[in-house]
Amino acid sequence: LRWTLVLQTYTEAEAKALCKKLKF
């Protein structure tokens, strides 16, 4: 929930890339 708010302006592709970078 908190990460979704932090990433609210991200597209799905952008969010997926960041999650991969930070190894979610």
mmCIF file of all heavy atoms, coordinates in Angstrom:
data_MODEL
# 
_entry.id   MODEL 
# 
loop_
_atom_site.group_PDB 
_atom_site.id 
_atom_site.type_symbol 
_atom_site.label_atom_id 
_atom_site.label_alt_id 
_atom_site.label_comp_id 
_atom_site.label_asym_id 
_atom_site.label_entity_id 
_atom_site.label_seq_id 
_atom_site.pdbx_PDB_ins_code 
_atom_site.Cartn_x 
_atom_site.Cartn_y 
_atom_site.Cartn_z 
_atom_site.occupancy 
_atom_site.B_iso_or_equiv 
_atom_site.pdbx_formal_charge 
_atom_site.auth_seq_id 
_atom_site.auth_comp_id 
_atom_site.auth_asym_id 
_atom_site.auth_atom_id 
_atom_site.pdbx_PDB_model_num 
ATOM 1   N N   . LEU A 1 1  ? 0.829  -1.206 0.000   1.00 0.00 ? 1  LEU A N   1 
ATOM 2   C CA  . LEU A 1 1  ? 0.000  0.000  0.000   1.00 0.00 ? 1  LEU A CA  1 
ATOM 3   C C   . LEU A 1 1  ? 0.864  1.257  0.000   1.00 0.00 ? 1  LEU A C   1 
ATOM 4   O O   . LEU A 1 1  ? 0.630  2.191  -0.778  1.00 0.00 ? 1  LEU A O   1 
ATOM 5   C CB  . LEU A 1 1  ? -0.926 0.007  1.217   1.00 0.00 ? 1  LEU A CB  1 
ATOM 6   C CG  . LEU A 1 1  ? -1.901 -1.154 1.348   1.00 0.00 ? 1  LEU A CG  1 
ATOM 7   C CD1 . LEU A 1 1  ? -2.879 -0.909 2.493   1.00 0.00 ? 1  LEU A CD1 1 
ATOM 8   C CD2 . LEU A 1 1  ? -2.671 -1.371 0.061   1.00 0.00 ? 1  LEU A CD2 1 
ATOM 9   N N   . ARG A 1 2  ? 1.858  1.291  0.875   1.00 0.00 ? 2  ARG A N   1 
ATOM 10  C CA  . ARG A 1 2  ? 2.698  2.483  0.962   1.00 0.00 ? 2  ARG A CA  1 
ATOM 11  C C   . ARG A 1 2  ? 3.526  2.656  -0.317  1.00 0.00 ? 2  ARG A C   1 
ATOM 12  O O   . ARG A 1 2  ? 3.684  3.769  -0.825  1.00 0.00 ? 2  ARG A O   1 
ATOM 13  C CB  . ARG A 1 2  ? 3.598  2.406  2.197   1.00 0.00 ? 2  ARG A CB  1 
ATOM 14  C CG  . ARG A 1 2  ? 2.819  2.404  3.539   1.00 0.00 ? 2  ARG A CG  1 
ATOM 15  C CD  . ARG A 1 2  ? 2.225  3.762  3.840   1.00 0.00 ? 2  ARG A CD  1 
ATOM 16  N NE  . ARG A 1 2  ? 1.419  3.810  5.038   1.00 0.00 ? 2  ARG A NE  1 
ATOM 17  C CZ  . ARG A 1 2  ? 1.865  4.178  6.251   1.00 0.00 ? 2  ARG A CZ  1 
ATOM 18  N NH1 . ARG A 1 2  ? 3.141  4.494  6.428   1.00 0.00 ? 2  ARG A NH1 1 
ATOM 19  N NH2 . ARG A 1 2  ? 1.032  4.240  7.275   1.00 0.00 ? 2  ARG A NH2 1 
ATOM 20  N N   . TRP A 1 3  ? 4.068  1.562  -0.855  1.00 0.00 ? 3  TRP A N   1 
ATOM 21  C CA  . TRP A 1 3  ? 4.838  1.678  -2.086  1.00 0.00 ? 3  TRP A CA  1 
ATOM 22  C C   . TRP A 1 3  ? 3.958  2.113  -3.260  1.00 0.00 ? 3  TRP A C   1 
ATOM 23  O O   . TRP A 1 3  ? 4.404  2.865  -4.133  1.00 0.00 ? 3  TRP A O   1 
ATOM 24  C CB  . TRP A 1 3  ? 5.520  0.351  -2.423  1.00 0.00 ? 3  TRP A CB  1 
ATOM 25  C CG  . TRP A 1 3  ? 6.843  0.152  -1.752  1.00 0.00 ? 3  TRP A CG  1 
ATOM 26  C CD1 . TRP A 1 3  ? 7.107  -0.646 -0.670  1.00 0.00 ? 3  TRP A CD1 1 
ATOM 27  C CD2 . TRP A 1 3  ? 8.095  0.745  -2.100  1.00 0.00 ? 3  TRP A CD2 1 
ATOM 28  N NE1 . TRP A 1 3  ? 8.437  -0.574 -0.332  1.00 0.00 ? 3  TRP A NE1 1 
ATOM 29  C CE2 . TRP A 1 3  ? 9.075  0.261  -1.185  1.00 0.00 ? 3  TRP A CE2 1 
ATOM 30  C CE3 . TRP A 1 3  ? 8.494  1.633  -3.106  1.00 0.00 ? 3  TRP A CE3 1 
ATOM 31  C CZ2 . TRP A 1 3  ? 10.409 0.642  -1.258  1.00 0.00 ? 3  TRP A CZ2 1 
ATOM 32  C CZ3 . TRP A 1 3  ? 9.833  2.016  -3.169  1.00 0.00 ? 3  TRP A CZ3 1 
ATOM 33  C CH2 . TRP A 1 3  ? 10.767 1.523  -2.255  1.00 0.00 ? 3  TRP A CH2 1 
ATOM 34  N N   . THR A 1 4  ? 2.717  1.650  -3.294  1.00 0.00 ? 4  THR A N   1 
ATOM 35  C CA  . THR A 1 4  ? 1.817  2.070  -4.375  1.00 0.00 ? 4  THR A CA  1 
ATOM 36  C C   . THR A 1 4  ? 1.609  3.576  -4.348  1.00 0.00 ? 4  THR A C   1 
ATOM 37  O O   . THR A 1 4  ? 1.597  4.235  -5.399  1.00 0.00 ? 4  THR A O   1 
ATOM 38  C CB  . THR A 1 4  ? 0.468  1.345  -4.270  1.00 0.00 ? 4  THR A CB  1 
ATOM 39  O OG1 . THR A 1 4  ? 0.678  -0.072 -4.384  1.00 0.00 ? 4  THR A OG1 1 
ATOM 40  C CG2 . THR A 1 4  ? -0.480 1.779  -5.376  1.00 0.00 ? 4  THR A CG2 1 
ATOM 41  N N   . LEU A 1 5  ? 1.463  4.150  -3.170  1.00 0.00 ? 5  LEU A N   1 
ATOM 42  C CA  . LEU A 1 5  ? 1.334  5.605  -3.072  1.00 0.00 ? 5  LEU A CA  1 
ATOM 43  C C   . LEU A 1 5  ? 2.616  6.304  -3.515  1.00 0.00 ? 5  LEU A C   1 
ATOM 44  O O   . LEU A 1 5  ? 2.572  7.310  -4.229  1.00 0.00 ? 5  LEU A O   1 
ATOM 45  C CB  . LEU A 1 5  ? 0.984  6.012  -1.636  1.00 0.00 ? 5  LEU A CB  1 
ATOM 46  C CG  . LEU A 1 5  ? -0.438 5.707  -1.177  1.00 0.00 ? 5  LEU A CG  1 
ATOM 47  C CD1 . LEU A 1 5  ? -0.628 6.104  0.281   1.00 0.00 ? 5  LEU A CD1 1 
ATOM 48  C CD2 . LEU A 1 5  ? -1.462 6.440  -2.052  1.00 0.00 ? 5  LEU A CD2 1 
ATOM 49  N N   . VAL A 1 6  ? 3.753  5.765  -3.098  1.00 0.00 ? 6  VAL A N   1 
ATOM 50  C CA  . VAL A 1 6  ? 5.031  6.360  -3.498  1.00 0.00 ? 6  VAL A CA  1 
ATOM 51  C C   . VAL A 1 6  ? 5.183  6.333  -5.020  1.00 0.00 ? 6  VAL A C   1 
ATOM 52  O O   . VAL A 1 6  ? 5.707  7.269  -5.631  1.00 0.00 ? 6  VAL A O   1 
ATOM 53  C CB  . VAL A 1 6  ? 6.200  5.627  -2.813  1.00 0.00 ? 6  VAL A CB  1 
ATOM 54  C CG1 . VAL A 1 6  ? 7.540  6.055  -3.404  1.00 0.00 ? 6  VAL A CG1 1 
ATOM 55  C CG2 . VAL A 1 6  ? 6.183  5.887  -1.312  1.00 0.00 ? 6  VAL A CG2 1 
ATOM 56  N N   . LEU A 1 7  ? 4.685  5.265  -5.642  1.00 0.00 ? 7  LEU A N   1 
ATOM 57  C CA  . LEU A 1 7  ? 4.843  5.073  -7.090  1.00 0.00 ? 7  LEU A CA  1 
ATOM 58  C C   . LEU A 1 7  ? 3.597  5.465  -7.878  1.00 0.00 ? 7  LEU A C   1 
ATOM 59  O O   . LEU A 1 7  ? 3.446  5.070  -9.037  1.00 0.00 ? 7  LEU A O   1 
ATOM 60  C CB  . LEU A 1 7  ? 5.193  3.609  -7.373  1.00 0.00 ? 7  LEU A CB  1 
ATOM 61  C CG  . LEU A 1 7  ? 6.443  3.055  -6.682  1.00 0.00 ? 7  LEU A CG  1 
ATOM 62  C CD1 . LEU A 1 7  ? 6.638  1.584  -7.037  1.00 0.00 ? 7  LEU A CD1 1 
ATOM 63  C CD2 . LEU A 1 7  ? 7.672  3.857  -7.041  1.00 0.00 ? 7  LEU A CD2 1 
ATOM 64  N N   . GLN A 1 8  ? 2.729  6.254  -7.293  1.00 0.00 ? 8  GLN A N   1 
ATOM 65  C CA  . GLN A 1 8  ? 1.434  6.543  -7.912  1.00 0.00 ? 8  GLN A CA  1 
ATOM 66  C C   . GLN A 1 8  ? 1.534  7.213  -9.275  1.00 0.00 ? 8  GLN A C   1 
ATOM 67  O O   . GLN A 1 8  ? 0.625  7.095  -10.104 1.00 0.00 ? 8  GLN A O   1 
ATOM 68  C CB  . GLN A 1 8  ? 0.574  7.412  -6.980  1.00 0.00 ? 8  GLN A CB  1 
ATOM 69  C CG  . GLN A 1 8  ? 1.172  8.773  -6.680  1.00 0.00 ? 8  GLN A CG  1 
ATOM 70  C CD  . GLN A 1 8  ? 0.359  9.553  -5.659  1.00 0.00 ? 8  GLN A CD  1 
ATOM 71  O OE1 . GLN A 1 8  ? -0.518 10.312 -6.024  1.00 0.00 ? 8  GLN A OE1 1 
ATOM 72  N NE2 . GLN A 1 8  ? 0.649  9.338  -4.375  1.00 0.00 ? 8  GLN A NE2 1 
ATOM 73  N N   . THR A 1 9  ? 2.622  7.937  -9.548  1.00 0.00 ? 9  THR A N   1 
ATOM 74  C CA  . THR A 1 9  ? 2.763  8.601  -10.850 1.00 0.00 ? 9  THR A CA  1 
ATOM 75  C C   . THR A 1 9  ? 3.521  7.734  -11.856 1.00 0.00 ? 9  THR A C   1 
ATOM 76  O O   . THR A 1 9  ? 3.755  8.164  -12.985 1.00 0.00 ? 9  THR A O   1 
ATOM 77  C CB  . THR A 1 9  ? 3.499  9.944  -10.697 1.00 0.00 ? 9  THR A CB  1 
ATOM 78  O OG1 . THR A 1 9  ? 4.824  9.710  -10.193 1.00 0.00 ? 9  THR A OG1 1 
ATOM 79  C CG2 . THR A 1 9  ? 2.753  10.868 -9.748  1.00 0.00 ? 9  THR A CG2 1 
ATOM 80  N N   . TYR A 1 10 ? 3.892  6.539  -11.458 1.00 0.00 ? 10 TYR A N   1 
ATOM 81  C CA  . TYR A 1 10 ? 4.621  5.629  -12.343 1.00 0.00 ? 10 TYR A CA  1 
ATOM 82  C C   . TYR A 1 10 ? 3.661  4.866  -13.246 1.00 0.00 ? 10 TYR A C   1 
ATOM 83  O O   . TYR A 1 10 ? 2.558  4.490  -12.830 1.00 0.00 ? 10 TYR A O   1 
ATOM 84  C CB  . TYR A 1 10 ? 5.409  4.606  -11.525 1.00 0.00 ? 10 TYR A CB  1 
ATOM 85  C CG  . TYR A 1 10 ? 6.753  5.066  -11.016 1.00 0.00 ? 10 TYR A CG  1 
ATOM 86  C CD1 . TYR A 1 10 ? 6.873  6.194  -10.217 1.00 0.00 ? 10 TYR A CD1 1 
ATOM 87  C CD2 . TYR A 1 10 ? 7.909  4.357  -11.327 1.00 0.00 ? 10 TYR A CD2 1 
ATOM 88  C CE1 . TYR A 1 10 ? 8.105  6.605  -9.742  1.00 0.00 ? 10 TYR A CE1 1 
ATOM 89  C CE2 . TYR A 1 10 ? 9.151  4.759  -10.860 1.00 0.00 ? 10 TYR A CE2 1 
ATOM 90  C CZ  . TYR A 1 10 ? 9.247  5.886  -10.067 1.00 0.00 ? 10 TYR A CZ  1 
ATOM 91  O OH  . TYR A 1 10 ? 10.474 6.287  -9.601  1.00 0.00 ? 10 TYR A OH  1 
ATOM 92  N N   . THR A 1 11 ? 4.083  4.610  -14.473 1.00 0.00 ? 11 THR A N   1 
ATOM 93  C CA  . THR A 1 11 ? 3.377  3.633  -15.297 1.00 0.00 ? 11 THR A CA  1 
ATOM 94  C C   . THR A 1 11 ? 3.699  2.240  -14.759 1.00 0.00 ? 11 THR A C   1 
ATOM 95  O O   . THR A 1 11 ? 4.636  2.060  -13.971 1.00 0.00 ? 11 THR A O   1 
ATOM 96  C CB  . THR A 1 11 ? 3.824  3.716  -16.764 1.00 0.00 ? 11 THR A CB  1 
ATOM 97  O OG1 . THR A 1 11 ? 5.210  3.333  -16.846 1.00 0.00 ? 11 THR A OG1 1 
ATOM 98  C CG2 . THR A 1 11 ? 3.647  5.135  -17.311 1.00 0.00 ? 11 THR A CG2 1 
ATOM 99  N N   . GLU A 1 12 ? 2.934  1.268  -15.201 1.00 0.00 ? 12 GLU A N   1 
ATOM 100 C CA  . GLU A 1 12 ? 3.220  -0.099 -14.764 1.00 0.00 ? 12 GLU A CA  1 
ATOM 101 C C   . GLU A 1 12 ? 4.633  -0.521 -15.153 1.00 0.00 ? 12 GLU A C   1 
ATOM 102 O O   . GLU A 1 12 ? 5.349  -1.153 -14.364 1.00 0.00 ? 12 GLU A O   1 
ATOM 103 C CB  . GLU A 1 12 ? 2.209  -1.072 -15.378 1.00 0.00 ? 12 GLU A CB  1 
ATOM 104 C CG  . GLU A 1 12 ? 0.917  -1.181 -14.612 1.00 0.00 ? 12 GLU A CG  1 
ATOM 105 C CD  . GLU A 1 12 ? 0.078  -2.343 -15.107 1.00 0.00 ? 12 GLU A CD  1 
ATOM 106 O OE1 . GLU A 1 12 ? 0.485  -3.503 -14.904 1.00 0.00 ? 12 GLU A OE1 1 
ATOM 107 O OE2 . GLU A 1 12 ? -0.978 -2.083 -15.703 1.00 0.00 ? 12 GLU A OE2 1 
ATOM 108 N N   . ALA A 1 13 ? 5.040  -0.146 -16.368 1.00 0.00 ? 13 ALA A N   1 
ATOM 109 C CA  . ALA A 1 13 ? 6.377  -0.529 -16.835 1.00 0.00 ? 13 ALA A CA  1 
ATOM 110 C C   . ALA A 1 13 ? 7.458  0.130  -15.981 1.00 0.00 ? 13 ALA A C   1 
ATOM 111 O O   . ALA A 1 13 ? 8.461  -0.507 -15.627 1.00 0.00 ? 13 ALA A O   1 
ATOM 112 C CB  . ALA A 1 13 ? 6.544  -0.135 -18.301 1.00 0.00 ? 13 ALA A CB  1 
ATOM 113 N N   . GLU A 1 14 ? 7.263  1.407  -15.647 1.00 0.00 ? 14 GLU A N   1 
ATOM 114 C CA  . GLU A 1 14 ? 8.238  2.107  -14.811 1.00 0.00 ? 14 GLU A CA  1 
ATOM 115 C C   . GLU A 1 14 ? 8.315  1.487  -13.421 1.00 0.00 ? 14 GLU A C   1 
ATOM 116 O O   . GLU A 1 14 ? 9.400  1.304  -12.863 1.00 0.00 ? 14 GLU A O   1 
ATOM 117 C CB  . GLU A 1 14 ? 7.867  3.588  -14.700 1.00 0.00 ? 14 GLU A CB  1 
ATOM 118 C CG  . GLU A 1 14 ? 8.055  4.378  -15.986 1.00 0.00 ? 14 GLU A CG  1 
ATOM 119 C CD  . GLU A 1 14 ? 7.490  5.787  -15.879 1.00 0.00 ? 14 GLU A CD  1 
ATOM 120 O OE1 . GLU A 1 14 ? 6.527  5.994  -15.107 1.00 0.00 ? 14 GLU A OE1 1 
ATOM 121 O OE2 . GLU A 1 14 ? 7.996  6.678  -16.582 1.00 0.00 ? 14 GLU A OE2 1 
ATOM 122 N N   . ALA A 1 15 ? 7.144  1.192  -12.863 1.00 0.00 ? 15 ALA A N   1 
ATOM 123 C CA  . ALA A 1 15 ? 7.108  0.605  -11.524 1.00 0.00 ? 15 ALA A CA  1 
ATOM 124 C C   . ALA A 1 15 ? 7.756  -0.774 -11.524 1.00 0.00 ? 15 ALA A C   1 
ATOM 125 O O   . ALA A 1 15 ? 8.508  -1.127 -10.606 1.00 0.00 ? 15 ALA A O   1 
ATOM 126 C CB  . ALA A 1 15 ? 5.667  0.520  -11.024 1.00 0.00 ? 15 ALA A CB  1 
ATOM 127 N N   . LYS A 1 16 ? 7.479  -1.557 -12.551 1.00 0.00 ? 16 LYS A N   1 
ATOM 128 C CA  . LYS A 1 16 ? 8.067  -2.893 -12.645 1.00 0.00 ? 16 LYS A CA  1 
ATOM 129 C C   . LYS A 1 16 ? 9.584  -2.812 -12.722 1.00 0.00 ? 16 LYS A C   1 
ATOM 130 O O   . LYS A 1 16 ? 10.303 -3.601 -12.093 1.00 0.00 ? 16 LYS A O   1 
ATOM 131 C CB  . LYS A 1 16 ? 7.505  -3.627 -13.870 1.00 0.00 ? 16 LYS A CB  1 
ATOM 132 C CG  . LYS A 1 16 ? 7.943  -5.075 -13.976 1.00 0.00 ? 16 LYS A CG  1 
ATOM 133 C CD  . LYS A 1 16 ? 7.248  -5.761 -15.152 1.00 0.00 ? 16 LYS A CD  1 
ATOM 134 C CE  . LYS A 1 16 ? 7.644  -7.222 -15.232 1.00 0.00 ? 16 LYS A CE  1 
ATOM 135 N NZ  . LYS A 1 16 ? 6.950  -7.907 -16.366 1.00 0.00 ? 16 LYS A NZ  1 
ATOM 136 N N   . ALA A 1 17 ? 10.086 -1.826 -13.471 1.00 0.00 ? 17 ALA A N   1 
ATOM 137 C CA  . ALA A 1 17 ? 11.538 -1.655 -13.609 1.00 0.00 ? 17 ALA A CA  1 
ATOM 138 C C   . ALA A 1 17 ? 12.173 -1.277 -12.275 1.00 0.00 ? 17 ALA A C   1 
ATOM 139 O O   . ALA A 1 17 ? 13.254 -1.783 -11.925 1.00 0.00 ? 17 ALA A O   1 
ATOM 140 C CB  . ALA A 1 17 ? 11.836 -0.598 -14.665 1.00 0.00 ? 17 ALA A CB  1 
ATOM 141 N N   . LEU A 1 18 ? 11.520 -0.390 -11.517 1.00 0.00 ? 18 LEU A N   1 
ATOM 142 C CA  . LEU A 1 18 ? 12.076 0.003  -10.225 1.00 0.00 ? 18 LEU A CA  1 
ATOM 143 C C   . LEU A 1 18 ? 12.045 -1.171 -9.247  1.00 0.00 ? 18 LEU A C   1 
ATOM 144 O O   . LEU A 1 18 ? 13.008 -1.387 -8.496  1.00 0.00 ? 18 LEU A O   1 
ATOM 145 C CB  . LEU A 1 18 ? 11.300 1.188  -9.642  1.00 0.00 ? 18 LEU A CB  1 
ATOM 146 C CG  . LEU A 1 18 ? 11.840 1.683  -8.298  1.00 0.00 ? 18 LEU A CG  1 
ATOM 147 C CD1 . LEU A 1 18 ? 13.233 2.292  -8.460  1.00 0.00 ? 18 LEU A CD1 1 
ATOM 148 C CD2 . LEU A 1 18 ? 10.902 2.695  -7.655  1.00 0.00 ? 18 LEU A CD2 1 
ATOM 149 N N   . CYS A 1 19 ? 10.936 -1.909 -9.245  1.00 0.00 ? 19 CYS A N   1 
ATOM 150 C CA  . CYS A 1 19 ? 10.840 -3.079 -8.367  1.00 0.00 ? 19 CYS A CA  1 
ATOM 151 C C   . CYS A 1 19 ? 11.947 -4.087 -8.685  1.00 0.00 ? 19 CYS A C   1 
ATOM 152 O O   . CYS A 1 19 ? 12.532 -4.694 -7.780  1.00 0.00 ? 19 CYS A O   1 
ATOM 153 C CB  . CYS A 1 19 ? 9.470  -3.739 -8.509  1.00 0.00 ? 19 CYS A CB  1 
ATOM 154 S SG  . CYS A 1 19 ? 8.098  -2.776 -7.826  1.00 0.00 ? 19 CYS A SG  1 
ATOM 155 N N   . LYS A 1 20 ? 12.247 -4.250 -9.958  1.00 0.00 ? 20 LYS A N   1 
ATOM 156 C CA  . LYS A 1 20 ? 13.317 -5.161 -10.363 1.00 0.00 ? 20 LYS A CA  1 
ATOM 157 C C   . LYS A 1 20 ? 14.671 -4.622 -9.914  1.00 0.00 ? 20 LYS A C   1 
ATOM 158 O O   . LYS A 1 20 ? 15.517 -5.361 -9.413  1.00 0.00 ? 20 LYS A O   1 
ATOM 159 C CB  . LYS A 1 20 ? 13.288 -5.358 -11.881 1.00 0.00 ? 20 LYS A CB  1 
ATOM 160 C CG  . LYS A 1 20 ? 14.338 -6.336 -12.380 1.00 0.00 ? 20 LYS A CG  1 
ATOM 161 C CD  . LYS A 1 20 ? 14.219 -6.549 -13.891 1.00 0.00 ? 20 LYS A CD  1 
ATOM 162 C CE  . LYS A 1 20 ? 15.258 -7.548 -14.381 1.00 0.00 ? 20 LYS A CE  1 
ATOM 163 N NZ  . LYS A 1 20 ? 15.158 -7.766 -15.857 1.00 0.00 ? 20 LYS A NZ  1 
ATOM 164 N N   . LYS A 1 21 ? 14.861 -3.308 -10.070 1.00 0.00 ? 21 LYS A N   1 
ATOM 165 C CA  . LYS A 1 21 ? 16.138 -2.689 -9.684  1.00 0.00 ? 21 LYS A CA  1 
ATOM 166 C C   . LYS A 1 21 ? 16.407 -2.862 -8.190  1.00 0.00 ? 21 LYS A C   1 
ATOM 167 O O   . LYS A 1 21 ? 17.525 -3.185 -7.780  1.00 0.00 ? 21 LYS A O   1 
ATOM 168 C CB  . LYS A 1 21 ? 16.122 -1.204 -10.049 1.00 0.00 ? 21 LYS A CB  1 
ATOM 169 C CG  . LYS A 1 21 ? 17.345 -0.437 -9.573  1.00 0.00 ? 21 LYS A CG  1 
ATOM 170 C CD  . LYS A 1 21 ? 17.254 1.044  -9.923  1.00 0.00 ? 21 LYS A CD  1 
ATOM 171 C CE  . LYS A 1 21 ? 18.446 1.818  -9.376  1.00 0.00 ? 21 LYS A CE  1 
ATOM 172 N NZ  . LYS A 1 21 ? 18.388 3.262  -9.733  1.00 0.00 ? 21 LYS A NZ  1 
ATOM 173 N N   . LEU A 1 22 ? 15.365 -2.659 -7.374  1.00 0.00 ? 22 LEU A N   1 
ATOM 174 C CA  . LEU A 1 22 ? 15.523 -2.746 -5.924  1.00 0.00 ? 22 LEU A CA  1 
ATOM 175 C C   . LEU A 1 22 ? 15.298 -4.170 -5.398  1.00 0.00 ? 22 LEU A C   1 
ATOM 176 O O   . LEU A 1 22 ? 15.308 -4.388 -4.191  1.00 0.00 ? 22 LEU A O   1 
ATOM 177 C CB  . LEU A 1 22 ? 14.572 -1.773 -5.232  1.00 0.00 ? 22 LEU A CB  1 
ATOM 178 C CG  . LEU A 1 22 ? 14.837 -0.283 -5.486  1.00 0.00 ? 22 LEU A CG  1 
ATOM 179 C CD1 . LEU A 1 22 ? 13.855 0.581  -4.700  1.00 0.00 ? 22 LEU A CD1 1 
ATOM 180 C CD2 . LEU A 1 22 ? 16.270 0.092  -5.139  1.00 0.00 ? 22 LEU A CD2 1 
ATOM 181 N N   . LYS A 1 23 ? 15.059 -5.103 -6.324  1.00 0.00 ? 23 LYS A N   1 
ATOM 182 C CA  . LYS A 1 23 ? 14.921 -6.524 -5.992  1.00 0.00 ? 23 LYS A CA  1 
ATOM 183 C C   . LYS A 1 23 ? 13.788 -6.796 -5.003  1.00 0.00 ? 23 LYS A C   1 
ATOM 184 O O   . LYS A 1 23 ? 13.958 -7.491 -4.000  1.00 0.00 ? 23 LYS A O   1 
ATOM 185 C CB  . LYS A 1 23 ? 16.254 -7.086 -5.470  1.00 0.00 ? 23 LYS A CB  1 
ATOM 186 C CG  . LYS A 1 23 ? 17.360 -7.022 -6.520  1.00 0.00 ? 23 LYS A CG  1 
ATOM 187 C CD  . LYS A 1 23 ? 18.608 -7.778 -6.113  1.00 0.00 ? 23 LYS A CD  1 
ATOM 188 C CE  . LYS A 1 23 ? 19.662 -7.730 -7.215  1.00 0.00 ? 23 LYS A CE  1 
ATOM 189 N NZ  . LYS A 1 23 ? 20.899 -8.436 -6.859  1.00 0.00 ? 23 LYS A NZ  1 
ATOM 190 N N   . PHE A 1 24 ? 12.611 -6.230 -5.320  1.00 0.00 ? 24 PHE A N   1 
ATOM 191 C CA  . PHE A 1 24 ? 11.403 -6.578 -4.576  1.00 0.00 ? 24 PHE A CA  1 
ATOM 192 C C   . PHE A 1 24 ? 11.134 -8.070 -4.765  1.00 0.00 ? 24 PHE A C   1 
ATOM 193 O O   . PHE A 1 24 ? 11.488 -8.652 -5.797  1.00 0.00 ? 24 PHE A O   1 
ATOM 194 C CB  . PHE A 1 24 ? 10.190 -5.831 -5.143  1.00 0.00 ? 24 PHE A CB  1 
ATOM 195 C CG  . PHE A 1 24 ? 10.088 -4.379 -4.784  1.00 0.00 ? 24 PHE A CG  1 
ATOM 196 C CD1 . PHE A 1 24 ? 11.166 -3.519 -4.914  1.00 0.00 ? 24 PHE A CD1 1 
ATOM 197 C CD2 . PHE A 1 24 ? 8.889  -3.862 -4.331  1.00 0.00 ? 24 PHE A CD2 1 
ATOM 198 C CE1 . PHE A 1 24 ? 11.061 -2.181 -4.608  1.00 0.00 ? 24 PHE A CE1 1 
ATOM 199 C CE2 . PHE A 1 24 ? 8.766  -2.526 -4.018  1.00 0.00 ? 24 PHE A CE2 1 
ATOM 200 C CZ  . PHE A 1 24 ? 9.855  -1.675 -4.150  1.00 0.00 ? 24 PHE A CZ  1 
# 
